[in-house]
Amino acid sequence: MSANPKTVYSKVSVKSQTVLPQAVRERLRIKPGDRLRYVLDDKGVRLERSAPNEEDDPFATFTEWASEADDEAYADL
């Protein structure tokens, strides 16, 4: 991080929600639908953009239907 860090603020709602400031969204290249990761350590909390994960795919567990023959058989559905 730079020697002169930029400070931005957001307010937490009664539902514990907040809007990410534009500067944060731009710095992390966050788009709608992206996941965030909160890393907690002795120094505080770090906010990161989380990489898409196979665990997030609800169909990832159905690998028994993931062969080429299945793709071909169900291509027209």
N, C-alpha and C. Protein backbone atom coordinates (compact mmCIF):
# COMPACT_ATOMS: atom_id res chain seq x y z
N MET A 1 0.83 -1.17 0.00
CA MET A 1 0.00 0.00 0.00
C MET A 1 0.88 1.24 0.00
N SER A 2 0.34 2.35 -0.45
CA SER A 2 1.14 3.56 -0.57
C SER A 2 1.42 4.19 0.79
N ALA A 3 2.38 5.12 0.80
CA ALA A 3 2.75 5.80 2.04
C ALA A 3 1.62 6.69 2.54
N ASN A 4 0.79 7.21 1.63
CA ASN A 4 -0.34 8.06 1.99
C ASN A 4 -1.63 7.34 1.64
N PRO A 5 -2.09 6.44 2.53
CA PRO A 5 -3.29 5.69 2.20
C PRO A 5 -4.52 6.59 2.12
N LYS A 6 -5.43 6.25 1.21
CA LYS A 6 -6.69 6.96 1.06
C LYS A 6 -7.69 6.35 2.04
N THR A 7 -8.46 7.17 2.71
CA THR A 7 -9.46 6.69 3.66
C THR A 7 -10.84 6.97 3.09
N VAL A 8 -11.69 5.93 3.09
CA VAL A 8 -13.07 6.07 2.66
C VAL A 8 -13.95 5.44 3.75
N TYR A 9 -15.19 5.86 3.81
CA TYR A 9 -16.08 5.40 4.86
C TYR A 9 -17.39 4.89 4.27
N SER A 10 -18.05 4.02 5.01
CA SER A 10 -19.42 3.63 4.71
C SER A 10 -20.14 3.42 6.03
N LYS A 11 -21.44 3.49 5.99
CA LYS A 11 -22.25 3.38 7.19
C LYS A 11 -22.92 2.01 7.22
N VAL A 12 -23.03 1.40 8.39
CA VAL A 12 -23.67 0.11 8.56
C VAL A 12 -25.14 0.35 8.92
N SER A 13 -26.03 -0.33 8.20
CA SER A 13 -27.46 -0.18 8.44
C SER A 13 -27.90 -0.99 9.66
N VAL A 14 -29.17 -0.85 10.04
CA VAL A 14 -29.70 -1.61 11.17
C VAL A 14 -29.70 -3.11 10.88
N LYS A 15 -29.62 -3.49 9.60
CA LYS A 15 -29.55 -4.90 9.22
C LYS A 15 -28.10 -5.37 9.04
N SER A 16 -27.15 -4.58 9.52
CA SER A 16 -25.70 -4.87 9.42
C SER A 16 -25.22 -4.92 7.97
N GLN A 17 -25.86 -4.17 7.11
CA GLN A 17 -25.45 -4.09 5.70
C GLN A 17 -24.76 -2.77 5.45
N THR A 18 -23.91 -2.75 4.43
CA THR A 18 -23.22 -1.53 4.05
C THR A 18 -23.02 -1.53 2.54
N VAL A 19 -22.78 -0.37 1.99
CA VAL A 19 -22.46 -0.22 0.57
C VAL A 19 -20.95 -0.05 0.48
N LEU A 20 -20.33 -0.84 -0.39
CA LEU A 20 -18.89 -0.67 -0.59
C LEU A 20 -18.65 0.63 -1.34
N PRO A 21 -17.81 1.48 -0.81
CA PRO A 21 -17.52 2.73 -1.52
C PRO A 21 -16.93 2.46 -2.90
N GLN A 22 -17.19 3.37 -3.82
CA GLN A 22 -16.73 3.21 -5.19
C GLN A 22 -15.22 2.96 -5.26
N ALA A 23 -14.45 3.67 -4.46
CA ALA A 23 -12.99 3.50 -4.48
C ALA A 23 -12.59 2.07 -4.12
N VAL A 24 -13.32 1.45 -3.19
CA VAL A 24 -13.04 0.07 -2.79
C VAL A 24 -13.43 -0.89 -3.92
N ARG A 25 -14.63 -0.68 -4.51
CA ARG A 25 -15.06 -1.54 -5.62
C ARG A 25 -14.08 -1.48 -6.78
N GLU A 26 -13.60 -0.28 -7.09
CA GLU A 26 -12.65 -0.13 -8.19
C GLU A 26 -11.31 -0.78 -7.86
N ARG A 27 -10.81 -0.60 -6.65
CA ARG A 27 -9.51 -1.15 -6.27
C ARG A 27 -9.53 -2.67 -6.32
N LEU A 28 -10.64 -3.28 -5.85
CA LEU A 28 -10.75 -4.74 -5.84
C LEU A 28 -11.37 -5.30 -7.12
N ARG A 29 -11.76 -4.42 -8.03
CA ARG A 29 -12.42 -4.82 -9.29
C ARG A 29 -13.65 -5.69 -9.01
N ILE A 30 -14.48 -5.23 -8.11
CA ILE A 30 -15.67 -5.96 -7.69
C ILE A 30 -16.84 -5.62 -8.60
N LYS A 31 -17.52 -6.67 -9.05
CA LYS A 31 -18.70 -6.53 -9.89
C LYS A 31 -19.87 -7.22 -9.19
N PRO A 32 -21.11 -6.88 -9.58
CA PRO A 32 -22.26 -7.58 -9.00
C PRO A 32 -22.10 -9.09 -9.13
N GLY A 33 -22.39 -9.80 -8.07
CA GLY A 33 -22.28 -11.26 -8.06
C GLY A 33 -20.95 -11.78 -7.55
N ASP A 34 -19.94 -10.92 -7.46
CA ASP A 34 -18.64 -11.36 -6.93
C ASP A 34 -18.77 -11.68 -5.45
N ARG A 35 -17.91 -12.56 -5.00
CA ARG A 35 -17.88 -12.92 -3.57
C ARG A 35 -16.73 -12.19 -2.90
N LEU A 36 -16.91 -11.89 -1.63
CA LEU A 36 -15.87 -11.24 -0.84
C LEU A 36 -15.38 -12.19 0.22
N ARG A 37 -14.12 -12.01 0.60
CA ARG A 37 -13.51 -12.82 1.66
C ARG A 37 -13.02 -11.85 2.73
N TYR A 38 -13.32 -12.15 3.97
CA TYR A 38 -12.86 -11.35 5.10
C TYR A 38 -11.79 -12.16 5.83
N VAL A 39 -10.58 -11.63 5.88
CA VAL A 39 -9.46 -12.32 6.53
C VAL A 39 -9.21 -11.62 7.87
N LEU A 40 -9.43 -12.37 8.94
CA LEU A 40 -9.25 -11.82 10.29
C LEU A 40 -7.91 -12.30 10.85
N ASP A 41 -7.09 -11.36 11.32
CA ASP A 41 -5.83 -11.72 11.95
C ASP A 41 -5.56 -10.75 13.10
N ASP A 42 -4.37 -10.82 13.68
CA ASP A 42 -4.03 -9.98 14.84
C ASP A 42 -3.99 -8.48 14.50
N LYS A 43 -3.79 -8.16 13.22
CA LYS A 43 -3.70 -6.76 12.81
C LYS A 43 -5.05 -6.14 12.51
N GLY A 44 -6.07 -6.96 12.30
CA GLY A 44 -7.40 -6.43 11.98
C GLY A 44 -8.12 -7.33 10.99
N VAL A 45 -8.85 -6.71 10.08
CA VAL A 45 -9.64 -7.43 9.09
C VAL A 45 -9.24 -6.92 7.71
N ARG A 46 -9.00 -7.84 6.80
CA ARG A 46 -8.64 -7.50 5.43
C ARG A 46 -9.78 -7.98 4.52
N LEU A 47 -10.21 -7.12 3.61
CA LEU A 47 -11.27 -7.44 2.67
C LEU A 47 -10.64 -7.76 1.32
N GLU A 48 -10.99 -8.92 0.75
CA GLU A 48 -10.44 -9.34 -0.54
C GLU A 48 -11.56 -9.81 -1.44
N ARG A 49 -11.32 -9.73 -2.72
CA ARG A 49 -12.23 -10.33 -3.69
C ARG A 49 -11.90 -11.82 -3.73
N SER A 50 -12.90 -12.65 -3.58
CA SER A 50 -12.70 -14.09 -3.55
C SER A 50 -12.82 -14.66 -4.95
N ALA A 51 -11.94 -15.56 -5.29
CA ALA A 51 -12.00 -16.22 -6.60
C ALA A 51 -13.22 -17.12 -6.65
N PRO A 52 -13.84 -17.23 -7.82
CA PRO A 52 -14.96 -18.17 -7.95
C PRO A 52 -14.49 -19.57 -7.56
N ASN A 53 -15.36 -20.30 -6.95
CA ASN A 53 -15.00 -21.58 -6.38
C ASN A 53 -15.93 -22.67 -6.91
N GLU A 54 -15.39 -23.82 -7.16
CA GLU A 54 -16.23 -24.93 -7.64
C GLU A 54 -17.30 -25.27 -6.62
N GLU A 55 -17.02 -25.07 -5.35
CA GLU A 55 -18.01 -25.36 -4.31
C GLU A 55 -19.25 -24.49 -4.45
N ASP A 56 -19.12 -23.35 -5.12
CA ASP A 56 -20.26 -22.47 -5.31
C ASP A 56 -21.19 -22.96 -6.41
N ASP A 57 -20.73 -23.88 -7.24
CA ASP A 57 -21.54 -24.40 -8.34
C ASP A 57 -22.45 -25.51 -7.80
N PRO A 58 -23.77 -25.29 -7.80
CA PRO A 58 -24.65 -26.31 -7.22
C PRO A 58 -24.65 -27.62 -7.99
N PHE A 59 -24.16 -27.62 -9.23
CA PHE A 59 -24.15 -28.83 -10.03
C PHE A 59 -22.80 -29.54 -10.01
N ALA A 60 -21.81 -28.98 -9.30
CA ALA A 60 -20.47 -29.55 -9.27
C ALA A 60 -20.45 -30.95 -8.65
N THR A 61 -21.39 -31.25 -7.78
CA THR A 61 -21.41 -32.56 -7.13
C THR A 61 -21.96 -33.66 -8.02
N PHE A 62 -22.59 -33.30 -9.13
CA PHE A 62 -23.19 -34.30 -10.02
C PHE A 62 -22.20 -34.73 -11.10
N THR A 63 -21.03 -35.16 -10.70
CA THR A 63 -20.00 -35.53 -11.67
C THR A 63 -20.31 -36.82 -12.41
N GLU A 64 -21.25 -37.63 -11.90
CA GLU A 64 -21.57 -38.88 -12.59
C GLU A 64 -22.24 -38.62 -13.93
N TRP A 65 -22.72 -37.38 -14.15
CA TRP A 65 -23.34 -37.03 -15.43
C TRP A 65 -22.47 -36.05 -16.21
N ALA A 66 -21.18 -36.15 -16.06
CA ALA A 66 -20.28 -35.18 -16.67
C ALA A 66 -19.39 -35.77 -17.75
N SER A 67 -19.85 -36.84 -18.39
CA SER A 67 -19.02 -37.44 -19.44
C SER A 67 -19.35 -36.83 -20.80
N GLU A 68 -18.51 -37.08 -21.77
CA GLU A 68 -18.78 -36.62 -23.14
C GLU A 68 -20.07 -37.20 -23.68
N ALA A 69 -20.34 -38.46 -23.37
CA ALA A 69 -21.57 -39.11 -23.83
C ALA A 69 -22.79 -38.40 -23.25
N ASP A 70 -22.72 -38.00 -21.99
CA ASP A 70 -23.83 -37.28 -21.39
C ASP A 70 -24.02 -35.90 -22.03
N ASP A 71 -22.90 -35.20 -22.26
CA ASP A 71 -22.99 -33.90 -22.91
C ASP A 71 -23.66 -34.02 -24.29
N GLU A 72 -23.28 -35.04 -25.03
CA GLU A 72 -23.85 -35.25 -26.35
C GLU A 72 -25.34 -35.64 -26.26
N ALA A 73 -25.66 -36.53 -25.34
CA ALA A 73 -27.04 -37.01 -25.20
C ALA A 73 -28.00 -35.89 -24.77
N TYR A 74 -27.52 -34.96 -23.94
CA TYR A 74 -28.39 -33.93 -23.41
C TYR A 74 -28.15 -32.56 -24.04
N ALA A 75 -27.45 -32.52 -25.16
CA ALA A 75 -27.10 -31.24 -25.79
C ALA A 75 -28.32 -30.45 -26.25
N ASP A 76 -29.40 -31.10 -26.61
CA ASP A 76 -30.57 -30.41 -27.13
C ASP A 76 -31.56 -29.97 -26.06
N LEU A 77 -31.28 -30.24 -24.83
CA LEU A 77 -32.22 -29.87 -23.76
C LEU A 77 -32.16 -28.40 -23.45
